[in-house]
Amino acid sequence: MKPSYSYDDISLVPRNLSTFRSRQEIILKFEISSGNLRKELRMPILPAPMDTICGTEMCRAFHQNGMLGMIHRFQPINDRIRTYETLKDDRMDAFIAVGLDEEDIATRFYSLGARWFIVDVANGFNIHVEPIIKHLKSLGDVFIICGNVASREGFTYLSNLGVDAIRVGIGTGSMCTTSIMTGVGQGIVSALLECVEIKKELSSPALIIADGGVQHVGDIAKALALGADLVMTGRMFAGTKEAEGNILKYEGKLYKAYRGSASFAVQKISGKKPYYIEGDETIVEYKGSVQNIFDQIEAGLRSAFSYMAAKNLVEFRRNSGFS
């Protein structure tokens, strides 16, 4: 049995002489593509498709910062469509989250112009994801994210289905209690290392999205150094002005709700009887504008790349050592 490692168990160690005078020389841009679709992201960051994170204002903020937001699926379909149409009216775009039995909904979004999709399920290593993935691919040029997986076997399965990007991480999110409730999962570092290794063996074009376990900007740097192409986080964006939900006042301090997608509240909102509870619910201190978070991420990544004598993501992976 191998040890299971998280971000707290590793550190980046500079082993190459840096030549950078300024962090502004660093290039954080990352392109995602599928067929004729192309989108250059200013940073390789994605928000988690959670109901207390991703609404219209968060999608707008991501667009204004040169990235793509997410329209979560834990709301009535008309609300999802209304959000998407509002964004499109302002010439903005976002990923559309769909569930396993939402082929008709996916088709409807495609007819409205949507091309970026995320098949949002807890276990992507499941035969029932195949129909929705095949349906999305049949629509035309679309970019498909699917997951989550935590092993080389799971990555291989989704890669063979032609998924463009795979969410890696089970039981690692701060609001995810899957490992506690089921005993399933492994540390995010261990999961990433497995999937990076099999991606190389298969020469798979599928991107790796490190999903879960991010508490600090340094964790994003560690994920990218390990081989992740993109990093998805909910915790860092929770509690911001643009996050979904009302501001709460408790004992003189301001807070916002934050909960996992498999929590009791989310299932009730979705109109489902809560047969399973694998998500936690809490409140986080109000953080103000999400722009502050974007700025912190950018500053931290620029510094990390500089320490590793890396101008871009390719050099960062190559130059990064760990202890």
Protein backbone atom coordinates (compact mmCIF):
# COMPACT_ATOMS: atom_id res chain seq x y z
CA MET A 1 0.00 0.00 0.00
CA LYS A 2 1.48 3.35 -1.08
CA PRO A 3 1.39 6.50 1.09
CA SER A 4 -1.22 9.09 0.13
CA TYR A 5 0.13 12.63 -0.20
CA SER A 6 -1.57 16.03 -0.10
CA TYR A 7 -0.22 19.50 -0.92
CA ASP A 8 0.86 19.98 2.70
CA ASP A 9 3.29 17.08 2.32
CA ILE A 10 5.42 18.64 -0.41
CA SER A 11 7.31 21.86 -1.12
CA LEU A 12 8.84 23.29 -4.27
CA VAL A 13 12.64 23.50 -4.20
CA PRO A 14 14.53 25.87 -6.59
CA ARG A 15 17.36 24.04 -8.35
CA ASN A 16 17.88 26.29 -11.40
CA LEU A 17 19.47 29.73 -11.56
CA SER A 18 16.79 32.35 -12.20
CA THR A 19 17.50 35.10 -14.73
CA PHE A 20 14.33 37.14 -14.20
CA ARG A 21 14.61 40.77 -13.17
CA SER A 22 10.84 41.21 -13.00
CA ARG A 23 7.92 38.87 -12.35
CA GLN A 24 6.13 40.59 -15.25
CA GLU A 25 8.33 38.60 -17.65
CA ILE A 26 6.44 35.46 -16.62
CA ILE A 27 3.78 34.10 -19.01
CA LEU A 28 0.80 32.52 -17.23
CA LYS A 29 -1.44 32.20 -20.30
CA PHE A 30 -2.78 28.76 -21.22
CA GLU A 31 -4.79 27.77 -24.29
CA ILE A 32 -7.60 25.23 -24.24
CA SER A 33 -8.92 23.86 -27.52
CA SER A 34 -11.02 21.21 -29.21
CA GLY A 35 -11.47 20.99 -32.97
CA ASN A 36 -11.90 24.55 -34.20
CA LEU A 37 -12.55 25.88 -30.70
CA ARG A 38 -9.79 27.96 -29.14
CA LYS A 39 -9.73 29.92 -25.89
CA GLU A 40 -6.68 31.52 -24.33
CA LEU A 41 -6.97 31.76 -20.57
CA ARG A 42 -5.00 34.50 -18.82
CA MET A 43 -4.27 32.02 -16.01
CA PRO A 44 -4.86 28.24 -15.83
CA ILE A 45 -7.60 28.61 -13.23
CA LEU A 46 -11.21 27.37 -13.15
CA PRO A 47 -13.92 27.87 -10.52
CA ALA A 48 -15.66 24.82 -9.09
CA PRO A 49 -19.24 24.49 -10.45
CA MET A 50 -20.82 24.93 -7.00
CA ASP A 51 -24.03 26.78 -6.22
CA THR A 52 -22.39 29.05 -3.60
CA ILE A 53 -19.62 29.99 -6.04
CA CYS A 54 -20.76 30.28 -9.63
CA GLY A 55 -23.48 32.68 -10.62
CA THR A 56 -23.75 35.49 -13.15
CA GLU A 57 -21.46 37.88 -11.29
CA MET A 58 -18.71 35.29 -10.79
CA CYS A 59 -18.86 34.34 -14.48
CA ARG A 60 -18.66 38.02 -15.36
CA ALA A 61 -15.61 38.47 -13.12
CA PHE A 62 -13.85 35.49 -14.70
CA HIS A 63 -14.57 36.84 -18.18
CA GLN A 64 -13.25 40.28 -17.27
CA ASN A 65 -10.05 38.58 -16.10
CA GLY A 66 -9.62 36.61 -19.31
CA MET A 67 -10.93 33.26 -18.06
CA LEU A 68 -14.10 31.17 -18.19
CA GLY A 69 -16.60 30.86 -15.37
CA MET A 70 -19.08 28.05 -14.76
CA ILE A 71 -22.88 27.96 -14.80
CA HIS A 72 -23.67 25.34 -12.14
CA ARG A 73 -26.45 22.76 -12.56
CA PHE A 74 -28.00 23.00 -9.08
CA GLN A 75 -30.81 25.31 -10.19
CA PRO A 76 -33.87 25.15 -12.45
CA ILE A 77 -33.06 24.88 -16.15
CA ASN A 78 -34.73 28.22 -16.91
CA ASP A 79 -32.41 29.93 -14.42
CA ARG A 80 -29.40 28.29 -16.07
CA ILE A 81 -30.56 29.47 -19.49
CA ARG A 82 -31.32 32.96 -18.21
CA THR A 83 -27.81 33.24 -16.80
CA TYR A 84 -26.26 32.06 -20.05
CA GLU A 85 -28.36 34.43 -22.18
CA THR A 86 -27.46 37.34 -19.90
CA LEU A 87 -23.79 36.59 -20.39
CA LYS A 88 -24.14 36.13 -24.15
CA ASP A 89 -25.97 39.45 -24.45
CA ASP A 90 -22.82 41.04 -23.04
CA ARG A 91 -20.60 38.94 -25.32
CA MET A 92 -19.37 36.74 -22.50
CA ASP A 93 -19.07 32.97 -22.33
CA ALA A 94 -18.88 30.28 -19.66
CA PHE A 95 -18.81 26.54 -19.14
CA ILE A 96 -22.24 24.92 -18.86
CA ALA A 97 -22.54 22.18 -16.23
CA VAL A 98 -24.75 19.24 -17.21
CA GLY A 99 -25.70 16.02 -15.45
CA LEU A 100 -25.90 12.44 -16.70
CA ASP A 101 -29.46 12.61 -18.03
CA GLU A 102 -29.37 16.07 -19.55
CA GLU A 103 -28.85 15.38 -23.25
CA ASP A 104 -31.85 17.53 -24.16
CA ILE A 105 -30.62 20.37 -21.96
CA ALA A 106 -27.16 20.13 -23.52
CA THR A 107 -28.71 20.32 -26.99
CA ARG A 108 -30.72 23.36 -25.97
CA PHE A 109 -27.62 25.14 -24.71
CA TYR A 110 -25.72 24.22 -27.87
CA SER A 111 -28.49 25.77 -29.97
CA LEU A 112 -28.04 28.96 -27.95
CA GLY A 113 -24.34 29.04 -28.79
CA ALA A 114 -22.76 27.15 -25.88
CA ARG A 115 -19.62 25.22 -26.78
CA TRP A 116 -17.89 24.77 -23.40
CA PHE A 117 -19.38 22.00 -21.25
CA ILE A 118 -18.61 20.25 -17.99
CA VAL A 119 -20.18 16.88 -17.21
CA ASP A 120 -20.48 17.38 -13.48
CA VAL A 121 -20.62 14.05 -11.65
CA ALA A 122 -19.00 12.80 -8.46
CA ASN A 123 -17.58 9.64 -10.06
CA GLY A 124 -16.42 10.04 -13.64
CA PHE A 125 -15.16 6.46 -13.73
CA ASN A 126 -18.70 5.28 -14.41
CA ILE A 127 -20.21 3.69 -17.52
CA HIS A 128 -23.18 6.07 -17.34
CA VAL A 129 -21.08 9.11 -18.32
CA GLU A 130 -20.55 7.63 -21.78
CA PRO A 131 -23.97 8.52 -23.29
CA ILE A 132 -23.82 12.22 -22.35
CA ILE A 133 -20.22 12.50 -23.56
CA LYS A 134 -21.09 10.85 -26.89
CA HIS A 135 -24.12 13.11 -27.22
CA LEU A 136 -22.09 16.26 -26.61
CA LYS A 137 -19.47 15.18 -29.14
CA SER A 138 -22.21 14.52 -31.70
CA LEU A 139 -23.36 18.16 -31.51
CA GLY A 140 -20.23 19.52 -33.18
CA ASP A 141 -17.10 21.23 -31.93
CA VAL A 142 -17.42 21.29 -28.15
CA PHE A 143 -14.91 21.26 -25.30
CA ILE A 144 -15.82 18.68 -22.65
CA ILE A 145 -14.64 18.49 -19.05
CA CYS A 146 -15.56 15.36 -17.10
CA GLY A 147 -14.64 13.78 -13.78
CA ASN A 148 -13.92 13.24 -11.07
CA VAL A 149 -11.36 10.44 -11.04
CA ALA A 150 -8.51 9.60 -8.68
CA SER A 151 -6.62 6.83 -10.47
CA ARG A 152 -4.85 5.87 -13.68
CA GLU A 153 -7.76 3.56 -14.52
CA GLY A 154 -10.29 6.39 -14.23
CA PHE A 155 -8.15 8.74 -16.29
CA THR A 156 -7.70 6.09 -18.99
CA TYR A 157 -11.45 5.47 -19.20
CA LEU A 158 -12.33 9.14 -19.76
CA SER A 159 -9.36 9.72 -22.06
CA ASN A 160 -10.53 6.85 -24.27
CA LEU A 161 -13.99 8.49 -24.46
CA GLY A 162 -12.38 11.55 -25.98
CA VAL A 163 -12.91 13.93 -23.06
CA ASP A 164 -10.89 17.12 -23.49
CA ALA A 165 -10.10 17.70 -19.82
CA ILE A 166 -10.37 15.40 -16.79
CA ARG A 167 -11.00 16.49 -13.21
CA VAL A 168 -8.64 14.66 -10.89
CA GLY A 169 -9.43 14.45 -7.19
CA ILE A 170 -11.93 12.50 -5.07
CA GLY A 171 -12.48 13.28 -1.43
CA THR A 172 -9.96 16.13 -1.49
CA GLY A 173 -12.19 19.22 -1.57
CA SER A 174 -12.62 21.23 1.62
CA MET A 175 -16.41 20.76 1.42
CA CYS A 176 -16.20 17.12 0.28
CA THR A 177 -16.77 14.41 2.87
CA THR A 178 -16.61 11.49 0.45
CA SER A 179 -13.51 9.98 2.04
CA ILE A 180 -15.02 10.34 5.52
CA MET A 181 -18.42 8.93 4.58
CA THR A 182 -17.26 6.21 2.17
CA GLY A 183 -13.55 5.59 2.74
CA VAL A 184 -12.97 6.34 -0.97
CA GLY A 185 -10.25 8.62 -2.35
CA GLN A 186 -6.58 9.39 -2.02
CA GLY A 187 -4.46 12.49 -1.46
CA ILE A 188 -4.57 14.96 -4.34
CA VAL A 189 -0.82 14.79 -4.92
CA SER A 190 -0.91 11.00 -5.19
CA ALA A 191 -3.92 11.14 -7.52
CA LEU A 192 -2.24 13.71 -9.76
CA LEU A 193 0.98 11.72 -9.97
CA GLU A 194 -0.94 8.60 -11.06
CA CYS A 195 -2.85 10.48 -13.74
CA VAL A 196 0.16 12.42 -15.02
CA GLU A 197 2.07 9.15 -15.37
CA ILE A 198 -0.66 7.37 -17.33
CA LYS A 199 -1.26 10.45 -19.49
CA LYS A 200 2.37 10.25 -20.59
CA GLU A 201 2.18 6.50 -21.17
CA LEU A 202 -0.93 6.89 -23.33
CA SER A 203 0.27 10.08 -25.04
CA SER A 204 -3.21 11.31 -24.18
CA PRO A 205 -4.22 14.82 -25.30
CA ALA A 206 -6.66 15.11 -22.39
CA LEU A 207 -5.84 17.93 -20.02
CA ILE A 208 -5.51 17.28 -16.29
CA ILE A 209 -7.52 19.50 -13.95
CA ALA A 210 -6.37 19.37 -10.32
CA ASP A 211 -9.64 19.60 -8.41
CA GLY A 212 -9.75 19.94 -4.65
CA GLY A 213 -7.40 20.48 -1.76
CA VAL A 214 -6.39 24.04 -2.66
CA GLN A 215 -6.15 26.20 0.44
CA HIS A 216 -3.46 28.65 -0.63
CA VAL A 217 -1.98 30.06 -3.84
CA GLY A 218 1.08 27.91 -3.23
CA ASP A 219 -1.10 24.81 -3.62
CA ILE A 220 -2.02 25.97 -7.12
CA ALA A 221 1.69 26.28 -7.93
CA LYS A 222 2.34 22.79 -6.56
CA ALA A 223 -0.48 21.31 -8.66
CA LEU A 224 0.87 22.88 -11.85
CA ALA A 225 4.41 21.77 -11.05
CA LEU A 226 3.19 18.19 -10.55
CA GLY A 227 1.76 18.18 -14.08
CA ALA A 228 -1.76 19.58 -13.84
CA ASP A 229 -2.72 21.74 -16.82
CA LEU A 230 -5.46 23.61 -14.95
CA VAL A 231 -6.45 24.01 -11.32
CA MET A 232 -10.05 24.13 -10.12
CA THR A 233 -10.94 25.62 -6.75
CA GLY A 234 -14.06 26.60 -4.87
CA ARG A 235 -12.67 27.52 -1.45
CA MET A 236 -10.55 30.43 -2.70
CA PHE A 237 -13.56 32.11 -4.35
CA ALA A 238 -16.02 31.37 -1.54
CA GLY A 239 -17.14 34.35 0.51
CA THR A 240 -16.38 36.93 -2.18
CA LYS A 241 -18.82 39.60 -3.25
CA GLU A 242 -19.37 37.85 -6.59
CA ALA A 243 -20.01 34.41 -5.07
CA GLU A 244 -23.65 33.32 -5.04
CA GLY A 245 -25.64 33.93 -1.88
CA ASN A 246 -26.45 36.67 0.60
CA ILE A 247 -24.06 38.26 3.05
CA LEU A 248 -24.73 37.17 6.63
CA LYS A 249 -23.85 39.06 9.79
CA TYR A 250 -22.86 37.10 12.89
CA GLU A 251 -21.33 38.56 16.05
CA GLY A 252 -20.32 41.70 14.21
CA LYS A 253 -18.59 39.92 11.32
CA LEU A 254 -19.75 39.33 7.74
CA TYR A 255 -19.99 35.86 6.22
CA LYS A 256 -21.30 33.96 3.20
CA ALA A 257 -22.50 30.38 2.90
CA TYR A 258 -20.26 27.74 1.33
CA ARG A 259 -21.29 24.14 0.75
CA GLY A 260 -20.36 21.06 -1.20
CA SER A 261 -22.35 19.92 -4.22
CA ALA A 262 -23.44 16.71 -2.47
CA SER A 263 -24.54 18.50 0.71
CA PHE A 264 -28.06 18.22 2.13
CA ALA A 265 -28.95 21.82 1.20
CA VAL A 266 -27.86 21.52 -2.45
CA GLN A 267 -29.82 18.30 -2.95
CA LYS A 268 -32.93 19.89 -1.45
CA ILE A 269 -32.52 22.97 -3.68
CA SER A 270 -32.16 20.66 -6.69
CA GLY A 271 -35.48 19.01 -5.76
CA LYS A 272 -33.85 15.69 -4.94
CA LYS A 273 -34.46 13.53 -1.90
CA PRO A 274 -31.09 13.48 -0.08
CA TYR A 275 -30.26 9.78 -0.26
CA TYR A 276 -26.55 10.48 0.14
CA ILE A 277 -24.61 13.18 1.94
CA GLU A 278 -21.02 13.58 0.82
CA GLY A 279 -20.76 17.36 1.08
CA ASP A 280 -20.30 19.69 4.04
CA GLU A 281 -21.94 23.05 4.74
CA THR A 282 -20.38 26.04 6.47
CA ILE A 283 -19.97 29.81 6.37
CA VAL A 284 -16.80 31.65 5.41
CA GLU A 285 -15.76 35.16 6.29
CA TYR A 286 -16.68 37.76 3.69
CA LYS A 287 -13.67 38.58 1.49
CA GLY A 288 -14.86 41.51 -0.61
CA SER A 289 -14.24 41.62 -4.35
CA VAL A 290 -13.03 38.45 -6.05
CA GLN A 291 -10.58 40.67 -7.94
CA ASN A 292 -8.43 40.58 -4.80
CA ILE A 293 -8.26 36.79 -5.11
CA PHE A 294 -7.36 36.93 -8.80
CA ASP A 295 -4.58 39.40 -8.00
CA GLN A 296 -3.23 37.18 -5.20
CA ILE A 297 -3.22 34.12 -7.46
CA GLU A 298 -1.44 35.97 -10.23
CA ALA A 299 1.18 37.44 -7.89
CA GLY A 300 1.81 34.10 -6.19
CA LEU A 301 2.15 32.18 -9.44
CA ARG A 302 4.48 34.78 -10.95
CA SER A 303 6.71 34.51 -7.90
CA ALA A 304 6.63 30.70 -7.95
CA PHE A 305 7.59 30.61 -11.64
CA SER A 306 10.39 33.08 -10.97
CA TYR A 307 11.82 30.97 -8.14
CA MET A 308 11.81 27.96 -10.46
CA ALA A 309 13.56 29.96 -13.22
CA ALA A 310 10.55 29.30 -15.45
CA LYS A 311 9.10 31.71 -17.98
CA ASN A 312 6.03 29.59 -18.72
CA LEU A 313 4.15 26.48 -17.61
CA VAL A 314 6.28 24.09 -19.66
CA GLU A 315 9.49 25.38 -18.07
CA PHE A 316 7.85 25.44 -14.64
CA ARG A 317 7.06 21.72 -14.80
CA ARG A 318 10.52 20.89 -16.13
CA ASN A 319 12.42 22.95 -13.57
CA SER A 320 10.41 22.22 -10.45
CA GLY A 321 11.87 20.00 -7.77
CA PHE A 322 10.17 18.82 -4.58
CA SER A 323 11.03 17.99 -1.03
